[in-house]
Amino acid sequence: MTVRRIVPNVPVESPEALAANRAFYGALGLAEAMNLGWILTMTSPTNPTAQISFLTRDETAPVVPDVSVEVDDVDAVHTAMKAAGAEIVHDLRDEDWGVRRFFVRDPQGRVVNVLSHRS
């Protein structure tokens, strides 16, 4: 399995907070990579794996994940996590915005969004 990137997910209270973070992190040199109205992802133009996301909620899941980990084979990781007895918080599914993902709880209780981009 290859890990492609790890992104911290920061919960925010409102769409106005998303806009404020877009301006602030834009001034730091990051560029908007994705904005779905409930999630904003800012990325480094020179290092696209350096990212941070801000979420008002999660559109299809019961919680906002603490961190996202992009892997090359999300199905294999899902199988491995289930075999290891990990708690699956949000089951494996394809999302409208082009990813396949699931959420799993780590040993300290943090929720990890594990995903792969669909081709």
PDB file of N, CA and C in Angstrom:
ATOM      1  N   MET A   1       0.831  -1.178   0.000  1.00  0.00           N
ATOM      2  CA  MET A   1       0.000   0.000   0.000  1.00  0.00           C
ATOM      3  C   MET A   1       0.881   1.248   0.000  1.00  0.00           C
ATOM      4  N   THR A   2       0.464   2.222  -0.767  1.00  0.00           N
ATOM      5  CA  THR A   2       1.171   3.498  -0.833  1.00  0.00           C
ATOM      6  C   THR A   2       0.302   4.594  -0.249  1.00  0.00           C
ATOM      7  N   VAL A   3       0.871   5.366   0.670  1.00  0.00           N
ATOM      8  CA  VAL A   3       0.196   6.548   1.186  1.00  0.00           C
ATOM      9  C   VAL A   3       0.588   7.710   0.290  1.00  0.00           C
ATOM     10  N   ARG A   4      -0.399   8.386  -0.269  1.00  0.00           N
ATOM     11  CA  ARG A   4      -0.138   9.486  -1.198  1.00  0.00           C
ATOM     12  C   ARG A   4      -0.082  10.839  -0.510  1.00  0.00           C
ATOM     13  N   ARG A   5      -0.897  11.019   0.531  1.00  0.00           N
ATOM     14  CA  ARG A   5      -0.873  12.283   1.274  1.00  0.00           C
ATOM     15  C   ARG A   5      -1.636  12.114   2.566  1.00  0.00           C
ATOM     16  N   ILE A   6      -1.360  12.992   3.508  1.00  0.00           N
ATOM     17  CA  ILE A   6      -2.083  13.049   4.774  1.00  0.00           C
ATOM     18  C   ILE A   6      -2.489  14.500   4.975  1.00  0.00           C
ATOM     19  N   VAL A   7      -3.782  14.709   5.271  1.00  0.00           N
ATOM     20  CA  VAL A   7      -4.326  16.055   5.355  1.00  0.00           C
ATOM     21  C   VAL A   7      -5.022  16.243   6.705  1.00  0.00           C
ATOM     22  N   PRO A   8      -4.618  17.243   7.497  1.00  0.00           N
ATOM     23  CA  PRO A   8      -5.376  17.538   8.713  1.00  0.00           C
ATOM     24  C   PRO A   8      -6.719  18.163   8.338  1.00  0.00           C
ATOM     25  N   ASN A   9      -7.763  17.785   9.073  1.00  0.00           N
ATOM     26  CA  ASN A   9      -9.104  18.326   8.874  1.00  0.00           C
ATOM     27  C   ASN A   9      -9.467  19.161  10.093  1.00  0.00           C
ATOM     28  N   VAL A  10      -9.759  20.431   9.871  1.00  0.00           N
ATOM     29  CA  VAL A  10     -10.049  21.362  10.946  1.00  0.00           C
ATOM     30  C   VAL A  10     -11.534  21.716  10.908  1.00  0.00           C
ATOM     31  N   PRO A  11     -12.285  21.393  11.971  1.00  0.00           N
ATOM     32  CA  PRO A  11     -13.696  21.781  11.984  1.00  0.00           C
ATOM     33  C   PRO A  11     -13.836  23.293  12.164  1.00  0.00           C
ATOM     34  N   VAL A  12     -14.789  23.877  11.437  1.00  0.00           N
ATOM     35  CA  VAL A  12     -15.111  25.298  11.576  1.00  0.00           C
ATOM     36  C   VAL A  12     -16.621  25.432  11.720  1.00  0.00           C
ATOM     37  N   GLU A  13     -17.057  26.591  12.195  1.00  0.00           N
ATOM     38  CA  GLU A  13     -18.461  26.772  12.547  1.00  0.00           C
ATOM     39  C   GLU A  13     -19.382  27.144  11.397  1.00  0.00           C
ATOM     40  N   SER A  14     -18.850  27.776  10.340  1.00  0.00           N
ATOM     41  CA  SER A  14     -19.759  28.361   9.357  1.00  0.00           C
ATOM     42  C   SER A  14     -19.096  28.520   7.993  1.00  0.00           C
ATOM     43  N   PRO A  15     -19.909  28.738   6.955  1.00  0.00           N
ATOM     44  CA  PRO A  15     -19.333  29.066   5.646  1.00  0.00           C
ATOM     45  C   PRO A  15     -18.488  30.347   5.688  1.00  0.00           C
ATOM     46  N   GLU A  16     -18.836  31.278   6.572  1.00  0.00           N
ATOM     47  CA  GLU A  16     -18.036  32.500   6.716  1.00  0.00           C
ATOM     48  C   GLU A  16     -16.634  32.168   7.232  1.00  0.00           C
ATOM     49  N   ALA A  17     -16.541  31.169   8.102  1.00  0.00           N
ATOM     50  CA  ALA A  17     -15.230  30.742   8.593  1.00  0.00           C
ATOM     51  C   ALA A  17     -14.418  30.105   7.467  1.00  0.00           C
ATOM     52  N   LEU A  18     -15.101  29.389   6.561  1.00  0.00           N
ATOM     53  CA  LEU A  18     -14.400  28.841   5.399  1.00  0.00           C
ATOM     54  C   LEU A  18     -13.787  29.973   4.584  1.00  0.00           C
ATOM     55  N   ALA A  19     -14.574  31.019   4.342  1.00  0.00           N
ATOM     56  CA  ALA A  19     -14.091  32.162   3.561  1.00  0.00           C
ATOM     57  C   ALA A  19     -12.931  32.864   4.264  1.00  0.00           C
ATOM     58  N   ALA A  20     -13.022  33.020   5.575  1.00  0.00           N
ATOM     59  CA  ALA A  20     -11.953  33.665   6.334  1.00  0.00           C
ATOM     60  C   ALA A  20     -10.666  32.844   6.248  1.00  0.00           C
ATOM     61  N   ASN A  21     -10.787  31.520   6.342  1.00  0.00           N
ATOM     62  CA  ASN A  21      -9.608  30.659   6.226  1.00  0.00           C
ATOM     63  C   ASN A  21      -9.041  30.667   4.812  1.00  0.00           C
ATOM     64  N   ARG A  22      -9.906  30.754   3.798  1.00  0.00           N
ATOM     65  CA  ARG A  22      -9.416  30.850   2.420  1.00  0.00           C
ATOM     66  C   ARG A  22      -8.549  32.092   2.270  1.00  0.00           C
ATOM     67  N   ALA A  23      -9.001  33.220   2.812  1.00  0.00           N
ATOM     68  CA  ALA A  23      -8.231  34.464   2.727  1.00  0.00           C
ATOM     69  C   ALA A  23      -6.929  34.371   3.531  1.00  0.00           C
ATOM     70  N   PHE A  24      -7.025  33.867   4.756  1.00  0.00           N
ATOM     71  CA  PHE A  24      -5.848  33.786   5.621  1.00  0.00           C
ATOM     72  C   PHE A  24      -4.785  32.862   5.036  1.00  0.00           C
ATOM     73  N   TYR A  25      -5.174  31.637   4.684  1.00  0.00           N
ATOM     74  CA  TYR A  25      -4.196  30.684   4.167  1.00  0.00           C
ATOM     75  C   TYR A  25      -3.753  31.036   2.754  1.00  0.00           C
ATOM     76  N   GLY A  26      -4.596  31.761   2.025  1.00  0.00           N
ATOM     77  CA  GLY A  26      -4.181  32.299   0.735  1.00  0.00           C
ATOM     78  C   GLY A  26      -3.042  33.287   0.908  1.00  0.00           C
ATOM     79  N   ALA A  27      -3.125  34.117   1.970  1.00  0.00           N
ATOM     80  CA  ALA A  27      -2.056  35.071   2.253  1.00  0.00           C
ATOM     81  C   ALA A  27      -0.758  34.359   2.651  1.00  0.00           C
ATOM     82  N   LEU A  28      -0.870  33.128   3.154  1.00  0.00           N
ATOM     83  CA  LEU A  28       0.315  32.319   3.467  1.00  0.00           C
ATOM     84  C   LEU A  28       0.897  31.645   2.232  1.00  0.00           C
ATOM     85  N   GLY A  29       0.213  31.772   1.100  1.00  0.00           N
ATOM     86  CA  GLY A  29       0.714  31.197  -0.145  1.00  0.00           C
ATOM     87  C   GLY A  29       0.012  29.940  -0.598  1.00  0.00           C
ATOM     88  N   LEU A  30      -1.022  29.499   0.142  1.00  0.00           N
ATOM     89  CA  LEU A  30      -1.764  28.315  -0.280  1.00  0.00           C
ATOM     90  C   LEU A  30      -2.854  28.716  -1.269  1.00  0.00           C
ATOM     91  N   ALA A  31      -3.260  27.768  -2.106  1.00  0.00           N
ATOM     92  CA  ALA A  31      -4.291  28.014  -3.115  1.00  0.00           C
ATOM     93  C   ALA A  31      -5.484  27.086  -2.856  1.00  0.00           C
ATOM     94  N   GLU A  32      -6.664  27.562  -3.191  1.00  0.00           N
ATOM     95  CA  GLU A  32      -7.856  26.738  -3.046  1.00  0.00           C
ATOM     96  C   GLU A  32      -7.794  25.568  -4.027  1.00  0.00           C
ATOM     97  N   ALA A  33      -7.872  24.355  -3.499  1.00  0.00           N
ATOM     98  CA  ALA A  33      -7.865  23.154  -4.333  1.00  0.00           C
ATOM     99  C   ALA A  33      -9.274  22.595  -4.502  1.00  0.00           C
ATOM    100  N   MET A  34     -10.118  22.771  -3.472  1.00  0.00           N
ATOM    101  CA  MET A  34     -11.479  22.262  -3.511  1.00  0.00           C
ATOM    102  C   MET A  34     -12.333  23.096  -2.564  1.00  0.00           C
ATOM    103  N   ASN A  35     -13.544  23.419  -3.007  1.00  0.00           N
ATOM    104  CA  ASN A  35     -14.499  24.114  -2.150  1.00  0.00           C
ATOM    105  C   ASN A  35     -15.890  23.629  -2.528  1.00  0.00           C
ATOM    106  N   LEU A  36     -16.471  22.810  -1.658  1.00  0.00           N
ATOM    107  CA  LEU A  36     -17.808  22.277  -1.895  1.00  0.00           C
ATOM    108  C   LEU A  36     -18.869  22.980  -1.043  1.00  0.00           C
ATOM    109  N   GLY A  37     -18.487  24.082  -0.416  1.00  0.00           N
ATOM    110  CA  GLY A  37     -19.419  24.825   0.418  1.00  0.00           C
ATOM    111  C   GLY A  37     -19.440  24.369   1.861  1.00  0.00           C
ATOM    112  N   TRP A  38     -19.106  23.132   2.115  1.00  0.00           N
ATOM    113  CA  TRP A  38     -19.022  22.589   3.475  1.00  0.00           C
ATOM    114  C   TRP A  38     -17.605  22.121   3.791  1.00  0.00           C
ATOM    115  N   ILE A  39     -16.772  21.988   2.760  1.00  0.00           N
ATOM    116  CA  ILE A  39     -15.356  21.661   2.927  1.00  0.00           C
ATOM    117  C   ILE A  39     -14.546  22.547   1.998  1.00  0.00           C
ATOM    118  N   LEU A  40     -13.457  23.073   2.522  1.00  0.00           N
ATOM    119  CA  LEU A  40     -12.500  23.876   1.770  1.00  0.00           C
ATOM    120  C   LEU A  40     -11.130  23.226   1.965  1.00  0.00           C
ATOM    121  N   THR A  41     -10.442  22.934   0.868  1.00  0.00           N
ATOM    122  CA  THR A  41      -9.089  22.399   0.948  1.00  0.00           C
ATOM    123  C   THR A  41      -8.136  23.396   0.306  1.00  0.00           C
ATOM    124  N   MET A  42      -7.115  23.763   1.055  1.00  0.00           N
ATOM    125  CA  MET A  42      -6.071  24.667   0.586  1.00  0.00           C
ATOM    126  C   MET A  42      -4.797  23.839   0.406  1.00  0.00           C
ATOM    127  N   THR A  43      -4.048  24.153  -0.659  1.00  0.00           N
ATOM    128  CA  THR A  43      -2.859  23.362  -0.983  1.00  0.00           C
ATOM    129  C   THR A  43      -1.702  24.267  -1.389  1.00  0.00           C
ATOM    130  N   SER A  44      -0.513  23.748  -1.232  1.00  0.00           N
ATOM    131  CA  SER A  44       0.676  24.451  -1.677  1.00  0.00           C
ATOM    132  C   SER A  44       0.791  24.322  -3.193  1.00  0.00           C
ATOM    133  N   PRO A  45       0.935  25.432  -3.910  1.00  0.00           N
ATOM    134  CA  PRO A  45       1.096  25.349  -5.358  1.00  0.00           C
ATOM    135  C   PRO A  45       2.372  24.622  -5.790  1.00  0.00           C
ATOM    136  N   THR A  46       3.393  24.617  -4.943  1.00  0.00           N
ATOM    137  CA  THR A  46       4.655  23.977  -5.299  1.00  0.00           C
ATOM    138  C   THR A  46       4.807  22.562  -4.737  1.00  0.00           C
ATOM    139  N   ASN A  47       3.959  22.203  -3.773  1.00  0.00           N
ATOM    140  CA  ASN A  47       3.997  20.868  -3.169  1.00  0.00           C
ATOM    141  C   ASN A  47       2.554  20.436  -2.926  1.00  0.00           C
ATOM    142  N   PRO A  48       1.880  19.879  -3.929  1.00  0.00           N
ATOM    143  CA  PRO A  48       0.449  19.616  -3.827  1.00  0.00           C
ATOM    144  C   PRO A  48       0.036  18.609  -2.756  1.00  0.00           C
ATOM    145  N   THR A  49       0.984  17.898  -2.161  1.00  0.00           N
ATOM    146  CA  THR A  49       0.603  17.004  -1.062  1.00  0.00           C
ATOM    147  C   THR A  49       0.561  17.742   0.275  1.00  0.00           C
ATOM    148  N   ALA A  50       1.033  18.980   0.326  1.00  0.00           N
ATOM    149  CA  ALA A  50       0.942  19.808   1.529  1.00  0.00           C
ATOM    150  C   ALA A  50      -0.405  20.514   1.498  1.00  0.00           C
ATOM    151  N   GLN A  51      -1.343  20.032   2.322  1.00  0.00           N
ATOM    152  CA  GLN A  51      -2.719  20.516   2.292  1.00  0.00           C
ATOM    153  C   GLN A  51      -3.285  20.637   3.695  1.00  0.00           C
ATOM    154  N   ILE A  52      -4.358  21.413   3.789  1.00  0.00           N
ATOM    155  CA  ILE A  52      -5.155  21.508   5.005  1.00  0.00           C
ATOM    156  C   ILE A  52      -6.605  21.697   4.568  1.00  0.00           C
ATOM    157  N   SER A  53      -7.524  21.010   5.258  1.00  0.00           N
ATOM    158  CA  SER A  53      -8.943  21.130   4.944  1.00  0.00           C
ATOM    159  C   SER A  53      -9.693  21.691   6.140  1.00  0.00           C
ATOM    160  N   PHE A  54     -10.745  22.449   5.846  1.00  0.00           N
ATOM    161  CA  PHE A  54     -11.634  23.035   6.844  1.00  0.00           C
ATOM    162  C   PHE A  54     -13.042  22.553   6.528  1.00  0.00           C
ATOM    163  N   LEU A  55     -13.769  22.066   7.532  1.00  0.00           N
ATOM    164  CA  LEU A  55     -15.100  21.508   7.315  1.00  0.00           C
ATOM    165  C   LEU A  55     -16.108  22.091   8.292  1.00  0.00           C
ATOM    166  N   THR A  56     -17.265  22.473   7.763  1.00  0.00           N
ATOM    167  CA  THR A  56     -18.380  22.869   8.627  1.00  0.00           C
ATOM    168  C   THR A  56     -19.147  21.640   9.088  1.00  0.00           C
ATOM    169  N   ARG A  57     -19.107  20.584   8.276  1.00  0.00           N
ATOM    170  CA  ARG A  57     -19.743  19.300   8.548  1.00  0.00           C
ATOM    171  C   ARG A  57     -19.183  18.335   7.503  1.00  0.00           C
ATOM    172  N   ASP A  58     -19.620  17.091   7.534  1.00  0.00           N
ATOM    173  CA  ASP A  58     -19.317  16.169   6.441  1.00  0.00           C
ATOM    174  C   ASP A  58     -20.630  15.859   5.742  1.00  0.00           C
ATOM    175  N   GLU A  59     -20.670  16.026   4.452  1.00  0.00           N
ATOM    176  CA  GLU A  59     -21.902  15.906   3.663  1.00  0.00           C
ATOM    177  C   GLU A  59     -22.565  14.540   3.783  1.00  0.00           C
ATOM    178  N   THR A  60     -21.788  13.466   3.863  1.00  0.00           N
ATOM    179  CA  THR A  60     -22.384  12.130   3.827  1.00  0.00           C
ATOM    180  C   THR A  60     -22.024  11.255   5.021  1.00  0.00           C
ATOM    181  N   ALA A  61     -21.295  11.777   5.983  1.00  0.00           N
ATOM    182  CA  ALA A  61     -20.842  10.969   7.116  1.00  0.00           C
ATOM    183  C   ALA A  61     -21.359  11.557   8.426  1.00  0.00           C
ATOM    184  N   PRO A  62     -21.373  10.742   9.484  1.00  0.00           N
ATOM    185  CA  PRO A  62     -21.932  11.198  10.753  1.00  0.00           C
ATOM    186  C   PRO A  62     -21.039  12.137  11.559  1.00  0.00           C
ATOM    187  N   VAL A  63     -19.754  12.210  11.225  1.00  0.00           N
ATOM    188  CA  VAL A  63     -18.813  13.048  11.970  1.00  0.00           C
ATOM    189  C   VAL A  63     -17.825  13.697  11.011  1.00  0.00           C
ATOM    190  N   VAL A  64     -17.175  14.750  11.473  1.00  0.00           N
ATOM    191  CA  VAL A  64     -16.066  15.355  10.742  1.00  0.00           C
ATOM    192  C   VAL A  64     -14.805  14.576  11.137  1.00  0.00           C
ATOM    193  N   PRO A  65     -14.091  14.015  10.164  1.00  0.00           N
ATOM    194  CA  PRO A  65     -12.880  13.267  10.511  1.00  0.00           C
ATOM    195  C   PRO A  65     -11.767  14.203  10.972  1.00  0.00           C
ATOM    196  N   ASP A  66     -10.882  13.672  11.789  1.00  0.00           N
ATOM    197  CA  ASP A  66      -9.754  14.457  12.301  1.00  0.00           C
ATOM    198  C   ASP A  66      -8.639  14.591  11.274  1.00  0.00           C
ATOM    199  N   VAL A  67      -8.468  13.570  10.466  1.00  0.00           N
ATOM    200  CA  VAL A  67      -7.390  13.543   9.481  1.00  0.00           C
ATOM    201  C   VAL A  67      -7.842  12.703   8.294  1.00  0.00           C
ATOM    202  N   SER A  68      -7.324  13.037   7.118  1.00  0.00           N
ATOM    203  CA  SER A  68      -7.581  12.240   5.918  1.00  0.00           C
ATOM    204  C   SER A  68      -6.267  11.643   5.435  1.00  0.00           C
ATOM    205  N   VAL A  69      -6.315  10.372   5.045  1.00  0.00           N
ATOM    206  CA  VAL A  69      -5.146   9.677   4.519  1.00  0.00           C
ATOM    207  C   VAL A  69      -5.533   9.117   3.155  1.00  0.00           C
ATOM    208  N   GLU A  70      -4.866   9.628   2.117  1.00  0.00           N
ATOM    209  CA  GLU A  70      -5.105   9.117   0.773  1.00  0.00           C
ATOM    210  C   GLU A  70      -4.156   7.961   0.499  1.00  0.00           C
ATOM    211  N   VAL A  71      -4.726   6.839   0.071  1.00  0.00           N
ATOM    212  CA  VAL A  71      -3.943   5.639  -0.230  1.00  0.00           C
ATOM    213  C   VAL A  71      -4.208   5.216  -1.671  1.00  0.00           C
ATOM    214  N   ASP A  72      -3.370   4.322  -2.181  1.00  0.00           N
ATOM    215  CA  ASP A  72      -3.559   3.876  -3.560  1.00  0.00           C
ATOM    216  C   ASP A  72      -4.647   2.813  -3.693  1.00  0.00           C
ATOM    217  N   ASP A  73      -4.992   2.089  -2.616  1.00  0.00           N
ATOM    218  CA  ASP A  73      -6.001   1.034  -2.675  1.00  0.00           C
ATOM    219  C   ASP A  73      -6.850   1.042  -1.411  1.00  0.00           C
ATOM    220  N   VAL A  74      -7.891   1.863  -1.418  1.00  0.00           N
ATOM    221  CA  VAL A  74      -8.740   2.016  -0.240  1.00  0.00           C
ATOM    222  C   VAL A  74      -9.457   0.712   0.114  1.00  0.00           C
ATOM    223  N   ASP A  75      -9.801  -0.103  -0.884  1.00  0.00           N
ATOM    224  CA  ASP A  75     -10.475  -1.369  -0.603  1.00  0.00           C
ATOM    225  C   ASP A  75      -9.576  -2.306   0.204  1.00  0.00           C
ATOM    226  N   ALA A  76      -8.301  -2.359  -0.151  1.00  0.00           N
ATOM    227  CA  ALA A  76      -7.362  -3.212   0.580  1.00  0.00           C
ATOM    228  C   ALA A  76      -7.186  -2.725   2.013  1.00  0.00           C
ATOM    229  N   VAL A  77      -7.118  -1.410   2.205  1.00  0.00           N
ATOM    230  CA  VAL A  77      -6.965  -0.862   3.556  1.00  0.00           C
ATOM    231  C   VAL A  77      -8.227  -1.135   4.370  1.00  0.00           C
ATOM    232  N   HIS A  78      -9.394  -0.991   3.766  1.00  0.00           N
ATOM    233  CA  HIS A  78     -10.659  -1.288   4.444  1.00  0.00           C
ATOM    234  C   HIS A  78     -10.670  -2.743   4.915  1.00  0.00           C
ATOM    235  N   THR A  79     -10.273  -3.656   4.049  1.00  0.00           N
ATOM    236  CA  THR A  79     -10.217  -5.074   4.404  1.00  0.00           C
ATOM    237  C   THR A  79      -9.243  -5.303   5.555  1.00  0.00           C
ATOM    238  N   ALA A  80      -8.079  -4.667   5.497  1.00  0.00           N
ATOM    239  CA  ALA A  80      -7.072  -4.822   6.553  1.00  0.00           C
ATOM    240  C   ALA A  80      -7.563  -4.265   7.886  1.00  0.00           C
ATOM    241  N   MET A  81      -8.232  -3.115   7.859  1.00  0.00           N
ATOM    242  CA  MET A  81      -8.743  -2.525   9.101  1.00  0.00           C
ATOM    243  C   MET A  81      -9.824  -3.404   9.724  1.00  0.00           C
ATOM    244  N   LYS A  82     -10.713  -3.936   8.897  1.00  0.00           N
ATOM    245  CA  LYS A  82     -11.751  -4.831   9.417  1.00  0.00           C
ATOM    246  C   LYS A  82     -11.122  -6.094  10.004  1.00  0.00           C
ATOM    247  N   ALA A  83     -10.130  -6.655   9.315  1.00  0.00           N
ATOM    248  CA  ALA A  83      -9.453  -7.863   9.807  1.00  0.00           C
ATOM    249  C   ALA A  83      -8.735  -7.598  11.130  1.00  0.00           C
ATOM    250  N   ALA A  84      -8.256  -6.368  11.308  1.00  0.00           N
ATOM    251  CA  ALA A  84      -7.554  -5.996  12.543  1.00  0.00           C
ATOM    252  C   ALA A  84      -8.529  -5.684  13.681  1.00  0.00           C
ATOM    253  N   GLY A  85      -9.827  -5.670  13.384  1.00  0.00           N
ATOM    254  CA  GLY A  85     -10.819  -5.388  14.418  1.00  0.00           C
ATOM    255  C   GLY A  85     -11.034  -3.925  14.690  1.00  0.00           C
ATOM    256  N   ALA A  86     -10.577  -3.046  13.795  1.00  0.00           N
ATOM    257  CA  ALA A  86     -10.742  -1.602  13.992  1.00  0.00           C
ATOM    258  C   ALA A  86     -12.212  -1.225  13.843  1.00  0.00           C
ATOM    259  N   GLU A  87     -12.602  -0.176  14.539  1.00  0.00           N
ATOM    260  CA  GLU A  87     -13.985   0.309  14.464  1.00  0.00           C
ATOM    261  C   GLU A  87     -14.177   1.123  13.190  1.00  0.00           C
ATOM    262  N   ILE A  88     -15.033   0.650  12.314  1.00  0.00           N
ATOM    263  CA  ILE A  88     -15.385   1.381  11.099  1.00  0.00           C
ATOM    264  C   ILE A  88     -16.516   2.343  11.477  1.00  0.00           C
ATOM    265  N   VAL A  89     -16.251   3.632  11.364  1.00  0.00           N
ATOM    266  CA  VAL A  89     -17.200   4.672  11.767  1.00  0.00           C
ATOM    267  C   VAL A  89     -18.162   5.009  10.631  1.00  0.00           C
ATOM    268  N   HIS A  90     -17.675   4.942   9.417  1.00  0.00           N
ATOM    269  CA  HIS A  90     -18.448   5.270   8.205  1.00  0.00           C
ATOM    270  C   HIS A  90     -17.997   4.274   7.152  1.00  0.00           C
ATOM    271  N   ASP A  91     -18.937   3.446   6.666  1.00  0.00           N
ATOM    272  CA  ASP A  91     -18.545   2.336   5.800  1.00  0.00           C
ATOM    273  C   ASP A  91     -18.068   2.799   4.431  1.00  0.00           C
ATOM    274  N   LEU A  92     -17.364   1.942   3.764  1.00  0.00           N
ATOM    275  CA  LEU A  92     -16.781   2.184   2.449  1.00  0.00           C
ATOM    276  C   LEU A  92     -17.867   2.558   1.448  1.00  0.00           C
ATOM    277  N   ARG A  93     -17.618   3.669   0.727  1.00  0.00           N
ATOM    278  CA  ARG A  93     -18.586   4.137  -0.271  1.00  0.00           C
ATOM    279  C   ARG A  93     -17.921   5.045  -1.284  1.00  0.00           C
ATOM    280  N   ASP A  94     -18.548   5.147  -2.447  1.00  0.00           N
ATOM    281  CA  ASP A  94     -18.135   6.088  -3.480  1.00  0.00           C
ATOM    282  C   ASP A  94     -18.871   7.399  -3.258  1.00  0.00           C
ATOM    283  N   GLU A  95     -18.144   8.506  -3.322  1.00  0.00           N
ATOM    284  CA  GLU A  95     -18.738   9.823  -3.117  1.00  0.00           C
ATOM    285  C   GLU A  95     -18.868  10.555  -4.448  1.00  0.00           C
ATOM    286  N   ASP A  96     -19.837  11.462  -4.513  1.00  0.00           N
ATOM    287  CA  ASP A  96     -20.112  12.210  -5.738  1.00  0.00           C
ATOM    288  C   ASP A  96     -18.933  13.068  -6.189  1.00  0.00           C
ATOM    289  N   TRP A  97     -18.055  13.457  -5.266  1.00  0.00           N
ATOM    290  CA  TRP A  97     -16.934  14.343  -5.623  1.00  0.00           C
ATOM    291  C   TRP A  97     -15.687  13.565  -6.042  1.00  0.00           C
ATOM    292  N   GLY A  98     -15.834  12.264  -6.355  1.00  0.00           N
ATOM    293  CA  GLY A  98     -14.754  11.533  -7.004  1.00  0.00           C
ATOM    294  C   GLY A  98     -13.834  10.718  -6.128  1.00  0.00           C
ATOM    295  N   VAL A  99     -14.209  10.478  -4.881  1.00  0.00           N
ATOM    296  CA  VAL A  99     -13.377   9.631  -4.026  1.00  0.00           C
ATOM    297  C   VAL A  99     -14.168   8.410  -3.562  1.00  0.00           C
ATOM    298  N   ARG A 100     -13.438   7.385  -3.202  1.00  0.00           N
ATOM    299  CA  ARG A 100     -13.983   6.210  -2.522  1.00  0.00           C
ATOM    300  C   ARG A 100     -13.358   6.244  -1.148  1.00  0.00           C
ATOM    301  N   ARG A 101     -14.167   6.122  -0.092  1.00  0.00           N
ATOM    302  CA  ARG A 101     -13.614   6.331   1.245  1.00  0.00           C
ATOM    303  C   ARG A 101     -14.384   5.585   2.317  1.00  0.00           C
ATOM    304  N   PHE A 102     -13.758   5.509   3.488  1.00  0.00           N
ATOM    305  CA  PHE A 102     -14.394   5.039   4.716  1.00  0.00           C
ATOM    306  C   PHE A 102     -13.719   5.753   5.874  1.00  0.00           C
ATOM    307  N   PHE A 103     -14.381   5.752   7.040  1.00  0.00           N
ATOM    308  CA  PHE A 103     -13.802   6.329   8.255  1.00  0.00           C
ATOM    309  C   PHE A 103     -13.536   5.193   9.239  1.00  0.00           C
ATOM    310  N   VAL A 104     -12.404   5.280   9.914  1.00  0.00           N
ATOM    311  CA  VAL A 104     -12.027   4.303  10.928  1.00  0.00           C
ATOM    312  C   VAL A 104     -11.519   5.064  12.153  1.00  0.00           C
ATOM    313  N   ARG A 105     -11.764   4.511  13.347  1.00  0.00           N
ATOM    314  CA  ARG A 105     -11.320   5.156  14.582  1.00  0.00           C
ATOM    315  C   ARG A 105      -9.949   4.603  14.973  1.00  0.00           C
ATOM    316  N   ASP A 106      -9.010   5.511  15.276  1.00  0.00           N
ATOM    317  CA  ASP A 106      -7.672   5.073  15.683  1.00  0.00           C
ATOM    318  C   ASP A 106      -7.675   4.710  17.171  1.00  0.00           C
ATOM    319  N   PRO A 107      -6.571   4.154  17.702  1.00  0.00           N
ATOM    320  CA  PRO A 107      -6.557   3.715  19.105  1.00  0.00           C
ATOM    321  C   PRO A 107      -6.811   4.820  20.130  1.00  0.00           C
ATOM    322  N   GLN A 108      -6.580   6.088  19.764  1.00  0.00           N
ATOM    323  CA  GLN A 108      -6.846   7.191  20.691  1.00  0.00           C
ATOM    324  C   GLN A 108      -8.228   7.804  20.479  1.00  0.00           C
ATOM    325  N   GLY A 109      -9.013   7.253  19.570  1.00  0.00           N
ATOM    326  CA  GLY A 109     -10.372   7.729  19.359  1.00  0.00           C
ATOM    327  C   GLY A 109     -10.541   8.731  18.226  1.00  0.00           C
ATOM    328  N   ARG A 110      -9.455   9.079  17.557  1.00  0.00           N
ATOM    329  CA  ARG A 110      -9.563  10.009  16.423  1.00  0.00           C
ATOM    330  C   ARG A 110     -10.159   9.297  15.220  1.00  0.00           C
ATOM    331  N   VAL A 111     -10.916  10.050  14.434  1.00  0.00           N
ATOM    332  CA  VAL A 111     -11.541   9.481  13.240  1.00  0.00           C
ATOM    333  C   VAL A 111     -10.673   9.798  12.027  1.00  0.00           C
ATOM    334  N   VAL A 112     -10.309   8.745  11.293  1.00  0.00           N
ATOM    335  CA  VAL A 112      -9.446   8.857  10.122  1.00  0.00           C
ATOM    336  C   VAL A 112     -10.281   8.565   8.872  1.00  0.00           C
ATOM    337  N   ASN A 113     -10.284   9.503   7.947  1.00  0.00           N
ATOM    338  CA  ASN A 113     -10.919   9.359   6.647  1.00  0.00           C
ATOM    339  C   ASN A 113      -9.882   8.735   5.720  1.00  0.00           C
ATOM    340  N   VAL A 114     -10.104   7.491   5.304  1.00  0.00           N
ATOM    341  CA  VAL A 114      -9.179   6.796   4.404  1.00  0.00           C
ATOM    342  C   VAL A 114      -9.807   6.807   3.018  1.00  0.00           C
ATOM    343  N   LEU A 115      -9.059   7.287   2.009  1.00  0.00           N
ATOM    344  CA  LEU A 115      -9.661   7.493   0.695  1.00  0.00           C
ATOM    345  C   LEU A 115      -8.702   7.192  -0.436  1.00  0.00           C
ATOM    346  N   SER A 116      -9.301   6.942  -1.590  1.00  0.00           N
ATOM    347  CA  SER A 116      -8.595   6.891  -2.873  1.00  0.00           C
ATOM    348  C   SER A 116      -9.427   7.690  -3.856  1.00  0.00           C
ATOM    349  N   HIS A 117      -8.751   8.367  -4.769  1.00  0.00           N
ATOM    350  CA  HIS A 117      -9.466   9.054  -5.854  1.00  0.00           C
ATOM    351  C   HIS A 117      -9.854   8.016  -6.893  1.00  0.00           C
ATOM    352  N   ARG A 118     -11.102   8.099  -7.337  1.00  0.00           N
ATOM    353  CA  ARG A 118     -11.562   7.196  -8.410  1.00  0.00           C
ATOM    354  C   ARG A 118     -11.042   7.728  -9.733  1.00  0.00           C
ATOM    355  N   SER A 119     -10.746   6.809 -10.670  1.00  0.00           N
ATOM    356  CA  SER A 119     -10.253   7.255 -11.970  1.00  0.00           C
ATOM    357  C   SER A 119     -11.373   7.687 -12.873  1.00  0.00           C
TER     358      SER A 119
END
